[in-house]
Amino acid sequence: MAYQSFQDLEVWKRACRLSVTLYAELSSCRDLGLKDQMTRSAVSIASNIAEGAERGSPREFIRFLRIAKGSSAELRTQLFIASQAGILPEVTARDLRREAEHLSAMLQRLSVSVRTPPKT
């Protein structure tokens, strides 16, 4: 896994886009508690990727990737609740959940690639 900066990682870029999209979708949301929790979860995904990458240790990076993956699961749960409560349209929540699921899979693959040394 060769990269210069966490900003080069596609999973980080997509996590940032998900956060921005979520902020836009929730801009008129009056349920500040759920809105805050959801935006925190989304921002946490990208933030933990960045923090882990900057730690300089594969073990630490993997730990933060797992935290990011947990934040993705938390966000998927909140998106389900938001759609059931009528805060987000079902189609919007479904699309955002799918992106969060895709990010989880990307985080898992990245974690495996960090753990597995390159073949010589």
PDB file of N, CA and C in Angstrom:
ATOM      1  N   MET A   1       0.842  -1.164   0.000  1.00  0.00           N
ATOM      2  CA  MET A   1       0.000   0.000   0.000  1.00  0.00           C
ATOM      3  C   MET A   1       0.896   1.238   0.000  1.00  0.00           C
ATOM      4  N   ALA A   2       1.014   1.861  -1.121  1.00  0.00           N
ATOM      5  CA  ALA A   2       1.855   3.044  -1.236  1.00  0.00           C
ATOM      6  C   ALA A   2       0.987   4.292  -1.371  1.00  0.00           C
ATOM      7  N   TYR A   3       1.244   5.244  -0.493  1.00  0.00           N
ATOM      8  CA  TYR A   3       0.570   6.535  -0.573  1.00  0.00           C
ATOM      9  C   TYR A   3       1.458   7.551   0.120  1.00  0.00           C
ATOM     10  N   GLN A   4       1.345   8.786  -0.294  1.00  0.00           N
ATOM     11  CA  GLN A   4       2.151   9.858   0.282  1.00  0.00           C
ATOM     12  C   GLN A   4       1.468  10.453   1.509  1.00  0.00           C
ATOM     13  N   SER A   5       0.155  10.576   1.436  1.00  0.00           N
ATOM     14  CA  SER A   5      -0.610  11.229   2.479  1.00  0.00           C
ATOM     15  C   SER A   5      -1.981  10.579   2.547  1.00  0.00           C
ATOM     16  N   PHE A   6      -2.602  10.683   3.701  1.00  0.00           N
ATOM     17  CA  PHE A   6      -3.971  10.170   3.828  1.00  0.00           C
ATOM     18  C   PHE A   6      -4.884  10.822   2.800  1.00  0.00           C
ATOM     19  N   GLN A   7      -4.536  12.029   2.359  1.00  0.00           N
ATOM     20  CA  GLN A   7      -5.354  12.746   1.380  1.00  0.00           C
ATOM     21  C   GLN A   7      -5.322  12.074   0.002  1.00  0.00           C
ATOM     22  N   ASP A   8      -4.379  11.168  -0.200  1.00  0.00           N
ATOM     23  CA  ASP A   8      -4.310  10.400  -1.447  1.00  0.00           C
ATOM     24  C   ASP A   8      -5.255   9.195  -1.434  1.00  0.00           C
ATOM     25  N   LEU A   9      -5.730   8.814  -0.266  1.00  0.00           N
ATOM     26  CA  LEU A   9      -6.550   7.608  -0.131  1.00  0.00           C
ATOM     27  C   LEU A   9      -7.981   7.852  -0.604  1.00  0.00           C
ATOM     28  N   GLU A  10      -8.429   7.017  -1.514  1.00  0.00           N
ATOM     29  CA  GLU A  10      -9.790   7.148  -2.046  1.00  0.00           C
ATOM     30  C   GLU A  10     -10.836   7.006  -0.942  1.00  0.00           C
ATOM     31  N   VAL A  11     -10.588   6.146   0.022  1.00  0.00           N
ATOM     32  CA  VAL A  11     -11.550   5.963   1.102  1.00  0.00           C
ATOM     33  C   VAL A  11     -11.691   7.250   1.924  1.00  0.00           C
ATOM     34  N   TRP A  12     -10.609   7.970   2.127  1.00  0.00           N
ATOM     35  CA  TRP A  12     -10.673   9.244   2.853  1.00  0.00           C
ATOM     36  C   TRP A  12     -11.464  10.272   2.038  1.00  0.00           C
ATOM     37  N   LYS A  13     -11.191  10.347   0.740  1.00  0.00           N
ATOM     38  CA  LYS A  13     -11.901  11.287  -0.132  1.00  0.00           C
ATOM     39  C   LYS A  13     -13.400  11.014  -0.127  1.00  0.00           C
ATOM     40  N   ARG A  14     -13.765   9.751  -0.229  1.00  0.00           N
ATOM     41  CA  ARG A  14     -15.187   9.391  -0.255  1.00  0.00           C
ATOM     42  C   ARG A  14     -15.851   9.657   1.091  1.00  0.00           C
ATOM     43  N   ALA A  15     -15.121   9.419   2.179  1.00  0.00           N
ATOM     44  CA  ALA A  15     -15.661   9.695   3.512  1.00  0.00           C
ATOM     45  C   ALA A  15     -15.911  11.194   3.681  1.00  0.00           C
ATOM     46  N   CYS A  16     -15.019  12.010   3.165  1.00  0.00           N
ATOM     47  CA  CYS A  16     -15.223  13.465   3.218  1.00  0.00           C
ATOM     48  C   CYS A  16     -16.450  13.862   2.406  1.00  0.00           C
ATOM     49  N   ARG A  17     -16.580  13.289   1.213  1.00  0.00           N
ATOM     50  CA  ARG A  17     -17.756  13.604   0.375  1.00  0.00           C
ATOM     51  C   ARG A  17     -19.059  13.190   1.068  1.00  0.00           C
ATOM     52  N   LEU A  18     -19.033  12.039   1.731  1.00  0.00           N
ATOM     53  CA  LEU A  18     -20.216  11.581   2.452  1.00  0.00           C
ATOM     54  C   LEU A  18     -20.588  12.591   3.540  1.00  0.00           C
ATOM     55  N   SER A  19     -19.603  13.086   4.263  1.00  0.00           N
ATOM     56  CA  SER A  19     -19.864  14.078   5.312  1.00  0.00           C
ATOM     57  C   SER A  19     -20.481  15.345   4.743  1.00  0.00           C
ATOM     58  N   VAL A  20     -19.917  15.827   3.659  1.00  0.00           N
ATOM     59  CA  VAL A  20     -20.428  17.056   3.038  1.00  0.00           C
ATOM     60  C   VAL A  20     -21.861  16.838   2.545  1.00  0.00           C
ATOM     61  N   THR A  21     -22.115  15.711   1.930  1.00  0.00           N
ATOM     62  CA  THR A  21     -23.463  15.390   1.452  1.00  0.00           C
ATOM     63  C   THR A  21     -24.446  15.326   2.614  1.00  0.00           C
ATOM     64  N   LEU A  22     -24.029  14.685   3.692  1.00  0.00           N
ATOM     65  CA  LEU A  22     -24.902  14.568   4.849  1.00  0.00           C
ATOM     66  C   LEU A  22     -25.223  15.939   5.444  1.00  0.00           C
ATOM     67  N   TYR A  23     -24.204  16.799   5.555  1.00  0.00           N
ATOM     68  CA  TYR A  23     -24.453  18.159   6.044  1.00  0.00           C
ATOM     69  C   TYR A  23     -25.493  18.864   5.175  1.00  0.00           C
ATOM     70  N   ALA A  24     -25.375  18.726   3.871  1.00  0.00           N
ATOM     71  CA  ALA A  24     -26.322  19.367   2.959  1.00  0.00           C
ATOM     72  C   ALA A  24     -27.730  18.797   3.155  1.00  0.00           C
ATOM     73  N   GLU A  25     -27.831  17.492   3.272  1.00  0.00           N
ATOM     74  CA  GLU A  25     -29.144  16.846   3.432  1.00  0.00           C
ATOM     75  C   GLU A  25     -29.803  17.223   4.748  1.00  0.00           C
ATOM     76  N   LEU A  26     -29.008  17.500   5.770  1.00  0.00           N
ATOM     77  CA  LEU A  26     -29.560  17.801   7.089  1.00  0.00           C
ATOM     78  C   LEU A  26     -29.597  19.296   7.390  1.00  0.00           C
ATOM     79  N   SER A  27     -29.335  20.123   6.392  1.00  0.00           N
ATOM     80  CA  SER A  27     -29.243  21.568   6.638  1.00  0.00           C
ATOM     81  C   SER A  27     -30.515  22.162   7.236  1.00  0.00           C
ATOM     82  N   SER A  28     -31.655  21.617   6.898  1.00  0.00           N
ATOM     83  CA  SER A  28     -32.903  22.162   7.439  1.00  0.00           C
ATOM     84  C   SER A  28     -33.487  21.294   8.559  1.00  0.00           C
ATOM     85  N   CYS A  29     -32.749  20.310   8.992  1.00  0.00           N
ATOM     86  CA  CYS A  29     -33.225  19.409  10.051  1.00  0.00           C
ATOM     87  C   CYS A  29     -33.322  20.160  11.378  1.00  0.00           C
ATOM     88  N   ARG A  30     -34.468  20.042  12.030  1.00  0.00           N
ATOM     89  CA  ARG A  30     -34.681  20.724  13.305  1.00  0.00           C
ATOM     90  C   ARG A  30     -34.414  19.817  14.501  1.00  0.00           C
ATOM     91  N   ASP A  31     -34.199  18.537  14.247  1.00  0.00           N
ATOM     92  CA  ASP A  31     -33.859  17.612  15.339  1.00  0.00           C
ATOM     93  C   ASP A  31     -32.353  17.701  15.563  1.00  0.00           C
ATOM     94  N   LEU A  32     -31.955  18.637  16.393  1.00  0.00           N
ATOM     95  CA  LEU A  32     -30.529  18.928  16.558  1.00  0.00           C
ATOM     96  C   LEU A  32     -29.754  17.781  17.191  1.00  0.00           C
ATOM     97  N   GLY A  33     -30.404  16.992  18.027  1.00  0.00           N
ATOM     98  CA  GLY A  33     -29.722  15.870  18.664  1.00  0.00           C
ATOM     99  C   GLY A  33     -29.290  14.828  17.650  1.00  0.00           C
ATOM    100  N   LEU A  34     -30.224  14.361  16.852  1.00  0.00           N
ATOM    101  CA  LEU A  34     -29.901  13.346  15.846  1.00  0.00           C
ATOM    102  C   LEU A  34     -28.988  13.925  14.769  1.00  0.00           C
ATOM    103  N   LYS A  35     -29.273  15.158  14.364  1.00  0.00           N
ATOM    104  CA  LYS A  35     -28.429  15.814  13.358  1.00  0.00           C
ATOM    105  C   LYS A  35     -26.979  15.876  13.837  1.00  0.00           C
ATOM    106  N   ASP A  36     -26.767  16.292  15.067  1.00  0.00           N
ATOM    107  CA  ASP A  36     -25.420  16.387  15.630  1.00  0.00           C
ATOM    108  C   ASP A  36     -24.756  15.017  15.687  1.00  0.00           C
ATOM    109  N   GLN A  37     -25.494  14.023  16.146  1.00  0.00           N
ATOM    110  CA  GLN A  37     -24.941  12.673  16.258  1.00  0.00           C
ATOM    111  C   GLN A  37     -24.548  12.120  14.885  1.00  0.00           C
ATOM    112  N   MET A  38     -25.401  12.349  13.887  1.00  0.00           N
ATOM    113  CA  MET A  38     -25.128  11.844  12.543  1.00  0.00           C
ATOM    114  C   MET A  38     -23.922  12.534  11.913  1.00  0.00           C
ATOM    115  N   THR A  39     -23.865  13.849  12.047  1.00  0.00           N
ATOM    116  CA  THR A  39     -22.730  14.556  11.443  1.00  0.00           C
ATOM    117  C   THR A  39     -21.430  14.194  12.159  1.00  0.00           C
ATOM    118  N   ARG A  40     -21.485  13.995  13.463  1.00  0.00           N
ATOM    119  CA  ARG A  40     -20.287  13.569  14.201  1.00  0.00           C
ATOM    120  C   ARG A  40     -19.813  12.193  13.725  1.00  0.00           C
ATOM    121  N   SER A  41     -20.743  11.282  13.538  1.00  0.00           N
ATOM    122  CA  SER A  41     -20.378   9.943  13.057  1.00  0.00           C
ATOM    123  C   SER A  41     -19.741  10.019  11.681  1.00  0.00           C
ATOM    124  N   ALA A  42     -20.339  10.797  10.796  1.00  0.00           N
ATOM    125  CA  ALA A  42     -19.814  10.905   9.432  1.00  0.00           C
ATOM    126  C   ALA A  42     -18.430  11.538   9.430  1.00  0.00           C
ATOM    127  N   VAL A  43     -18.261  12.624  10.166  1.00  0.00           N
ATOM    128  CA  VAL A  43     -16.965  13.302  10.223  1.00  0.00           C
ATOM    129  C   VAL A  43     -15.921  12.392  10.864  1.00  0.00           C
ATOM    130  N   SER A  44     -16.343  11.584  11.800  1.00  0.00           N
ATOM    131  CA  SER A  44     -15.430  10.672  12.486  1.00  0.00           C
ATOM    132  C   SER A  44     -14.796   9.658  11.535  1.00  0.00           C
ATOM    133  N   ILE A  45     -15.510   9.260  10.511  1.00  0.00           N
ATOM    134  CA  ILE A  45     -14.954   8.284   9.570  1.00  0.00           C
ATOM    135  C   ILE A  45     -13.696   8.851   8.918  1.00  0.00           C
ATOM    136  N   ALA A  46     -13.831   9.994   8.271  1.00  0.00           N
ATOM    137  CA  ALA A  46     -12.679  10.608   7.595  1.00  0.00           C
ATOM    138  C   ALA A  46     -11.601  11.023   8.588  1.00  0.00           C
ATOM    139  N   SER A  47     -12.008  11.544   9.725  1.00  0.00           N
ATOM    140  CA  SER A  47     -11.041  12.027  10.716  1.00  0.00           C
ATOM    141  C   SER A  47     -10.180  10.899  11.269  1.00  0.00           C
ATOM    142  N   ASN A  48     -10.788   9.752  11.513  1.00  0.00           N
ATOM    143  CA  ASN A  48     -10.016   8.628  12.047  1.00  0.00           C
ATOM    144  C   ASN A  48      -9.081   8.019  11.008  1.00  0.00           C
ATOM    145  N   ILE A  49      -9.473   8.039   9.758  1.00  0.00           N
ATOM    146  CA  ILE A  49      -8.558   7.609   8.696  1.00  0.00           C
ATOM    147  C   ILE A  49      -7.332   8.509   8.708  1.00  0.00           C
ATOM    148  N   ALA A  50      -7.555   9.812   8.744  1.00  0.00           N
ATOM    149  CA  ALA A  50      -6.456  10.781   8.733  1.00  0.00           C
ATOM    150  C   ALA A  50      -5.567  10.617   9.961  1.00  0.00           C
ATOM    151  N   GLU A  51      -6.182  10.555  11.132  1.00  0.00           N
ATOM    152  CA  GLU A  51      -5.388  10.453  12.356  1.00  0.00           C
ATOM    153  C   GLU A  51      -4.560   9.172  12.382  1.00  0.00           C
ATOM    154  N   GLY A  52      -5.166   8.073  12.008  1.00  0.00           N
ATOM    155  CA  GLY A  52      -4.440   6.806  12.003  1.00  0.00           C
ATOM    156  C   GLY A  52      -3.275   6.807  11.032  1.00  0.00           C
ATOM    157  N   ALA A  53      -3.492   7.375   9.861  1.00  0.00           N
ATOM    158  CA  ALA A  53      -2.423   7.415   8.848  1.00  0.00           C
ATOM    159  C   ALA A  53      -1.245   8.246   9.334  1.00  0.00           C
ATOM    160  N   GLU A  54      -1.525   9.281  10.099  1.00  0.00           N
ATOM    161  CA  GLU A  54      -0.469  10.171  10.576  1.00  0.00           C
ATOM    162  C   GLU A  54       0.257   9.634  11.807  1.00  0.00           C
ATOM    163  N   ARG A  55      -0.225   8.579  12.394  1.00  0.00           N
ATOM    164  CA  ARG A  55       0.406   8.012  13.587  1.00  0.00           C
ATOM    165  C   ARG A  55       1.762   7.382  13.297  1.00  0.00           C
ATOM    166  N   GLY A  56       1.979   6.988  12.044  1.00  0.00           N
ATOM    167  CA  GLY A  56       3.286   6.466  11.659  1.00  0.00           C
ATOM    168  C   GLY A  56       3.542   5.019  12.014  1.00  0.00           C
ATOM    169  N   SER A  57       2.533   4.314  12.425  1.00  0.00           N
ATOM    170  CA  SER A  57       2.685   2.910  12.794  1.00  0.00           C
ATOM    171  C   SER A  57       1.545   2.113  12.173  1.00  0.00           C
ATOM    172  N   PRO A  58       1.867   0.996  11.505  1.00  0.00           N
ATOM    173  CA  PRO A  58       0.801   0.174  10.928  1.00  0.00           C
ATOM    174  C   PRO A  58      -0.230  -0.273  11.977  1.00  0.00           C
ATOM    175  N   ARG A  59       0.248  -0.617  13.145  1.00  0.00           N
ATOM    176  CA  ARG A  59      -0.657  -1.074  14.203  1.00  0.00           C
ATOM    177  C   ARG A  59      -1.643   0.039  14.592  1.00  0.00           C
ATOM    178  N   GLU A  60      -1.149   1.248  14.758  1.00  0.00           N
ATOM    179  CA  GLU A  60      -1.998   2.384  15.090  1.00  0.00           C
ATOM    180  C   GLU A  60      -2.962   2.713  13.946  1.00  0.00           C
ATOM    181  N   PHE A  61      -2.453   2.645  12.726  1.00  0.00           N
ATOM    182  CA  PHE A  61      -3.294   2.924  11.570  1.00  0.00           C
ATOM    183  C   PHE A  61      -4.465   1.946  11.538  1.00  0.00           C
ATOM    184  N   ILE A  62      -4.184   0.680  11.726  1.00  0.00           N
ATOM    185  CA  ILE A  62      -5.238  -0.336  11.723  1.00  0.00           C
ATOM    186  C   ILE A  62      -6.240  -0.062  12.841  1.00  0.00           C
ATOM    187  N   ARG A  63      -5.768   0.325  14.014  1.00  0.00           N
ATOM    188  CA  ARG A  63      -6.666   0.629  15.135  1.00  0.00           C
ATOM    189  C   ARG A  63      -7.628   1.761  14.766  1.00  0.00           C
ATOM    190  N   PHE A  64      -7.107   2.810  14.131  1.00  0.00           N
ATOM    191  CA  PHE A  64      -7.964   3.930  13.752  1.00  0.00           C
ATOM    192  C   PHE A  64      -8.875   3.580  12.578  1.00  0.00           C
ATOM    193  N   LEU A  65      -8.434   2.694  11.699  1.00  0.00           N
ATOM    194  CA  LEU A  65      -9.320   2.232  10.627  1.00  0.00           C
ATOM    195  C   LEU A  65     -10.503   1.471  11.212  1.00  0.00           C
ATOM    196  N   ARG A  66     -10.259   0.712  12.266  1.00  0.00           N
ATOM    197  CA  ARG A  66     -11.354  -0.009  12.939  1.00  0.00           C
ATOM    198  C   ARG A  66     -12.323   0.968  13.595  1.00  0.00           C
ATOM    199  N   ILE A  67     -11.782   2.023  14.183  1.00  0.00           N
ATOM    200  CA  ILE A  67     -12.650   3.037  14.779  1.00  0.00           C
ATOM    201  C   ILE A  67     -13.499   3.696  13.688  1.00  0.00           C
ATOM    202  N   ALA A  68     -12.881   4.000  12.549  1.00  0.00           N
ATOM    203  CA  ALA A  68     -13.615   4.591  11.421  1.00  0.00           C
ATOM    204  C   ALA A  68     -14.715   3.646  10.950  1.00  0.00           C
ATOM    205  N   LYS A  69     -14.406   2.364  10.909  1.00  0.00           N
ATOM    206  CA  LYS A  69     -15.397   1.368  10.494  1.00  0.00           C
ATOM    207  C   LYS A  69     -16.563   1.333  11.486  1.00  0.00           C
ATOM    208  N   GLY A  70     -16.265   1.469  12.762  1.00  0.00           N
ATOM    209  CA  GLY A  70     -17.313   1.539  13.777  1.00  0.00           C
ATOM    210  C   GLY A  70     -18.181   2.772  13.604  1.00  0.00           C
ATOM    211  N   SER A  71     -17.555   3.889  13.261  1.00  0.00           N
ATOM    212  CA  SER A  71     -18.319   5.118  13.027  1.00  0.00           C
ATOM    213  C   SER A  71     -19.231   4.961  11.819  1.00  0.00           C
ATOM    214  N   SER A  72     -18.783   4.216  10.825  1.00  0.00           N
ATOM    215  CA  SER A  72     -19.617   3.954   9.657  1.00  0.00           C
ATOM    216  C   SER A  72     -20.854   3.140  10.042  1.00  0.00           C
ATOM    217  N   ALA A  73     -20.673   2.150  10.906  1.00  0.00           N
ATOM    218  CA  ALA A  73     -21.808   1.351  11.372  1.00  0.00           C
ATOM    219  C   ALA A  73     -22.766   2.210  12.194  1.00  0.00           C
ATOM    220  N   GLU A  74     -22.207   3.083  13.016  1.00  0.00           N
ATOM    221  CA  GLU A  74     -23.029   3.994  13.808  1.00  0.00           C
ATOM    222  C   GLU A  74     -23.858   4.892  12.889  1.00  0.00           C
ATOM    223  N   LEU A  75     -23.227   5.428  11.852  1.00  0.00           N
ATOM    224  CA  LEU A  75     -23.936   6.292  10.907  1.00  0.00           C
ATOM    225  C   LEU A  75     -25.031   5.527  10.180  1.00  0.00           C
ATOM    226  N   ARG A  76     -24.764   4.301   9.778  1.00  0.00           N
ATOM    227  CA  ARG A  76     -25.793   3.517   9.086  1.00  0.00           C
ATOM    228  C   ARG A  76     -27.019   3.320   9.977  1.00  0.00           C
ATOM    229  N   THR A  77     -26.786   3.087  11.253  1.00  0.00           N
ATOM    230  CA  THR A  77     -27.885   2.938  12.203  1.00  0.00           C
ATOM    231  C   THR A  77     -28.676   4.237  12.312  1.00  0.00           C
ATOM    232  N   GLN A  78     -27.974   5.347  12.422  1.00  0.00           N
ATOM    233  CA  GLN A  78     -28.636   6.643  12.546  1.00  0.00           C
ATOM    234  C   GLN A  78     -29.402   7.008  11.282  1.00  0.00           C
ATOM    235  N   LEU A  79     -28.870   6.646  10.130  1.00  0.00           N
ATOM    236  CA  LEU A  79     -29.578   6.889   8.874  1.00  0.00           C
ATOM    237  C   LEU A  79     -30.869   6.081   8.813  1.00  0.00           C
ATOM    238  N   PHE A  80     -30.827   4.855   9.291  1.00  0.00           N
ATOM    239  CA  PHE A  80     -32.035   4.030   9.337  1.00  0.00           C
ATOM    240  C   PHE A  80     -33.075   4.693  10.237  1.00  0.00           C
ATOM    241  N   ILE A  81     -32.637   5.129  11.416  1.00  0.00           N
ATOM    242  CA  ILE A  81     -33.553   5.782  12.351  1.00  0.00           C
ATOM    243  C   ILE A  81     -34.113   7.065  11.743  1.00  0.00           C
ATOM    244  N   ALA A  82     -33.251   7.859  11.111  1.00  0.00           N
ATOM    245  CA  ALA A  82     -33.690   9.124  10.499  1.00  0.00           C
ATOM    246  C   ALA A  82     -34.732   8.890   9.422  1.00  0.00           C
ATOM    247  N   SER A  83     -34.569   7.828   8.650  1.00  0.00           N
ATOM    248  CA  SER A  83     -35.567   7.558   7.605  1.00  0.00           C
ATOM    249  C   SER A  83     -36.869   7.072   8.224  1.00  0.00           C
ATOM    250  N   GLN A  84     -36.796   6.235   9.242  1.00  0.00           N
ATOM    251  CA  GLN A  84     -38.007   5.721   9.888  1.00  0.00           C
ATOM    252  C   GLN A  84     -38.761   6.824  10.631  1.00  0.00           C
ATOM    253  N   ALA A  85     -38.003   7.815  11.125  1.00  0.00           N
ATOM    254  CA  ALA A  85     -38.620   8.924  11.856  1.00  0.00           C
ATOM    255  C   ALA A  85     -39.085  10.052  10.941  1.00  0.00           C
ATOM    256  N   GLY A  86     -38.856   9.897   9.637  1.00  0.00           N
ATOM    257  CA  GLY A  86     -39.292  10.903   8.678  1.00  0.00           C
ATOM    258  C   GLY A  86     -38.381  12.123   8.600  1.00  0.00           C
ATOM    259  N   ILE A  87     -37.175  12.013   9.123  1.00  0.00           N
ATOM    260  CA  ILE A  87     -36.222  13.123   9.079  1.00  0.00           C
ATOM    261  C   ILE A  87     -35.522  13.190   7.727  1.00  0.00           C
ATOM    262  N   LEU A  88     -35.284  12.029   7.147  1.00  0.00           N
ATOM    263  CA  LEU A  88     -34.695  11.944   5.803  1.00  0.00           C
ATOM    264  C   LEU A  88     -35.602  11.092   4.933  1.00  0.00           C
ATOM    265  N   PRO A  89     -35.734  11.447   3.657  1.00  0.00           N
ATOM    266  CA  PRO A  89     -36.477  10.572   2.741  1.00  0.00           C
ATOM    267  C   PRO A  89     -35.799   9.201   2.666  1.00  0.00           C
ATOM    268  N   GLU A  90     -36.583   8.155   2.557  1.00  0.00           N
ATOM    269  CA  GLU A  90     -36.053   6.794   2.531  1.00  0.00           C
ATOM    270  C   GLU A  90     -34.992   6.618   1.445  1.00  0.00           C
ATOM    271  N   VAL A  91     -35.249   7.139   0.255  1.00  0.00           N
ATOM    272  CA  VAL A  91     -34.295   6.960  -0.847  1.00  0.00           C
ATOM    273  C   VAL A  91     -32.958   7.638  -0.525  1.00  0.00           C
ATOM    274  N   THR A  92     -32.997   8.795   0.086  1.00  0.00           N
ATOM    275  CA  THR A  92     -31.766   9.499   0.460  1.00  0.00           C
ATOM    276  C   THR A  92     -31.016   8.711   1.525  1.00  0.00           C
ATOM    277  N   ALA A  93     -31.740   8.281   2.547  1.00  0.00           N
ATOM    278  CA  ALA A  93     -31.111   7.505   3.620  1.00  0.00           C
ATOM    279  C   ALA A  93     -30.520   6.212   3.080  1.00  0.00           C
ATOM    280  N   ARG A  94     -31.240   5.564   2.176  1.00  0.00           N
ATOM    281  CA  ARG A  94     -30.750   4.314   1.580  1.00  0.00           C
ATOM    282  C   ARG A  94     -29.454   4.553   0.803  1.00  0.00           C
ATOM    283  N   ASP A  95     -29.412   5.606   0.001  1.00  0.00           N
ATOM    284  CA  ASP A  95     -28.205   5.906  -0.777  1.00  0.00           C
ATOM    285  C   ASP A  95     -27.019   6.220   0.132  1.00  0.00           C
ATOM    286  N   LEU A  96     -27.268   6.967   1.184  1.00  0.00           N
ATOM    287  CA  LEU A  96     -26.188   7.293   2.122  1.00  0.00           C
ATOM    288  C   LEU A  96     -25.732   6.046   2.887  1.00  0.00           C
ATOM    289  N   ARG A  97     -26.689   5.188   3.253  1.00  0.00           N
ATOM    290  CA  ARG A  97     -26.321   3.924   3.922  1.00  0.00           C
ATOM    291  C   ARG A  97     -25.468   3.058   3.007  1.00  0.00           C
ATOM    292  N   ARG A  98     -25.821   2.995   1.745  1.00  0.00           N
ATOM    293  CA  ARG A  98     -25.031   2.193   0.799  1.00  0.00           C
ATOM    294  C   ARG A  98     -23.607   2.726   0.688  1.00  0.00           C
ATOM    295  N   GLU A  99     -23.469   4.041   0.654  1.00  0.00           N
ATOM    296  CA  GLU A  99     -22.124   4.623   0.592  1.00  0.00           C
ATOM    297  C   GLU A  99     -21.356   4.310   1.875  1.00  0.00           C
ATOM    298  N   ALA A 100     -22.021   4.387   3.016  1.00  0.00           N
ATOM    299  CA  ALA A 100     -21.364   4.048   4.278  1.00  0.00           C
ATOM    300  C   ALA A 100     -20.962   2.567   4.309  1.00  0.00           C
ATOM    301  N   GLU A 101     -21.796   1.701   3.753  1.00  0.00           N
ATOM    302  CA  GLU A 101     -21.458   0.273   3.659  1.00  0.00           C
ATOM    303  C   GLU A 101     -20.238   0.078   2.763  1.00  0.00           C
ATOM    304  N   HIS A 102     -20.213   0.795   1.662  1.00  0.00           N
ATOM    305  CA  HIS A 102     -19.074   0.701   0.751  1.00  0.00           C
ATOM    306  C   HIS A 102     -17.799   1.192   1.441  1.00  0.00           C
ATOM    307  N   LEU A 103     -17.907   2.260   2.193  1.00  0.00           N
ATOM    308  CA  LEU A 103     -16.749   2.750   2.938  1.00  0.00           C
ATOM    309  C   LEU A 103     -16.269   1.706   3.936  1.00  0.00           C
ATOM    310  N   SER A 104     -17.177   1.026   4.599  1.00  0.00           N
ATOM    311  CA  SER A 104     -16.790  -0.034   5.542  1.00  0.00           C
ATOM    312  C   SER A 104     -15.993  -1.130   4.848  1.00  0.00           C
ATOM    313  N   ALA A 105     -16.444  -1.512   3.675  1.00  0.00           N
ATOM    314  CA  ALA A 105     -15.719  -2.540   2.916  1.00  0.00           C
ATOM    315  C   ALA A 105     -14.342  -2.036   2.497  1.00  0.00           C
ATOM    316  N   MET A 106     -14.278  -0.782   2.073  1.00  0.00           N
ATOM    317  CA  MET A 106     -12.979  -0.203   1.698  1.00  0.00           C
ATOM    318  C   MET A 106     -12.040  -0.140   2.908  1.00  0.00           C
ATOM    319  N   LEU A 107     -12.577   0.233   4.059  1.00  0.00           N
ATOM    320  CA  LEU A 107     -11.770   0.295   5.279  1.00  0.00           C
ATOM    321  C   LEU A 107     -11.249  -1.089   5.653  1.00  0.00           C
ATOM    322  N   GLN A 108     -12.079  -2.099   5.491  1.00  0.00           N
ATOM    323  CA  GLN A 108     -11.654  -3.470   5.782  1.00  0.00           C
ATOM    324  C   GLN A 108     -10.514  -3.888   4.864  1.00  0.00           C
ATOM    325  N   ARG A 109     -10.664  -3.602   3.573  1.00  0.00           N
ATOM    326  CA  ARG A 109      -9.602  -3.969   2.620  1.00  0.00           C
ATOM    327  C   ARG A 109      -8.314  -3.197   2.916  1.00  0.00           C
ATOM    328  N   LEU A 110      -8.442  -1.928   3.256  1.00  0.00           N
ATOM    329  CA  LEU A 110      -7.263  -1.139   3.582  1.00  0.00           C
ATOM    330  C   LEU A 110      -6.586  -1.686   4.827  1.00  0.00           C
ATOM    331  N   SER A 111      -7.354  -2.054   5.813  1.00  0.00           N
ATOM    332  CA  SER A 111      -6.808  -2.625   7.035  1.00  0.00           C
ATOM    333  C   SER A 111      -6.017  -3.904   6.750  1.00  0.00           C
ATOM    334  N   VAL A 112      -6.568  -4.748   5.902  1.00  0.00           N
ATOM    335  CA  VAL A 112      -5.866  -5.986   5.516  1.00  0.00           C
ATOM    336  C   VAL A 112      -4.581  -5.661   4.778  1.00  0.00           C
ATOM    337  N   SER A 113      -4.618  -4.675   3.887  1.00  0.00           N
ATOM    338  CA  SER A 113      -3.411  -4.342   3.119  1.00  0.00           C
ATOM    339  C   SER A 113      -2.336  -3.729   4.014  1.00  0.00           C
ATOM    340  N   VAL A 114      -2.723  -3.015   5.046  1.00  0.00           N
ATOM    341  CA  VAL A 114      -1.739  -2.439   5.975  1.00  0.00           C
ATOM    342  C   VAL A 114      -1.142  -3.574   6.815  1.00  0.00           C
ATOM    343  N   ARG A 115      -1.958  -4.523   7.198  1.00  0.00           N
ATOM    344  CA  ARG A 115      -1.527  -5.646   8.046  1.00  0.00           C
ATOM    345  C   ARG A 115      -0.617  -6.610   7.295  1.00  0.00           C
ATOM    346  N   THR A 116      -0.881  -6.819   6.008  1.00  0.00           N
ATOM    347  CA  THR A 116      -0.155  -7.804   5.224  1.00  0.00           C
ATOM    348  C   THR A 116       1.068  -7.161   4.571  1.00  0.00           C
ATOM    349  N   PRO A 117       2.263  -7.619   4.932  1.00  0.00           N
ATOM    350  CA  PRO A 117       3.454  -7.033   4.304  1.00  0.00           C
ATOM    351  C   PRO A 117       3.518  -7.359   2.816  1.00  0.00           C
ATOM    352  N   PRO A 118       4.074  -6.461   2.016  1.00  0.00           N
ATOM    353  CA  PRO A 118       4.182  -6.726   0.570  1.00  0.00           C
ATOM    354  C   PRO A 118       5.075  -7.925   0.312  1.00  0.00           C
ATOM    355  N   LYS A 119       4.723  -8.666  -0.730  1.00  0.00           N
ATOM    356  CA  LYS A 119       5.539  -9.845  -1.113  1.00  0.00           C
ATOM    357  C   LYS A 119       6.795  -9.376  -1.830  1.00  0.00           C
ATOM    358  N   THR A 120       7.876 -10.034  -1.503  1.00  0.00           N
ATOM    359  CA  THR A 120       9.156  -9.686  -2.137  1.00  0.00           C
ATOM    360  C   THR A 120       9.548 -10.670  -3.195  1.00  0.00           C
TER     361      THR A 120
END
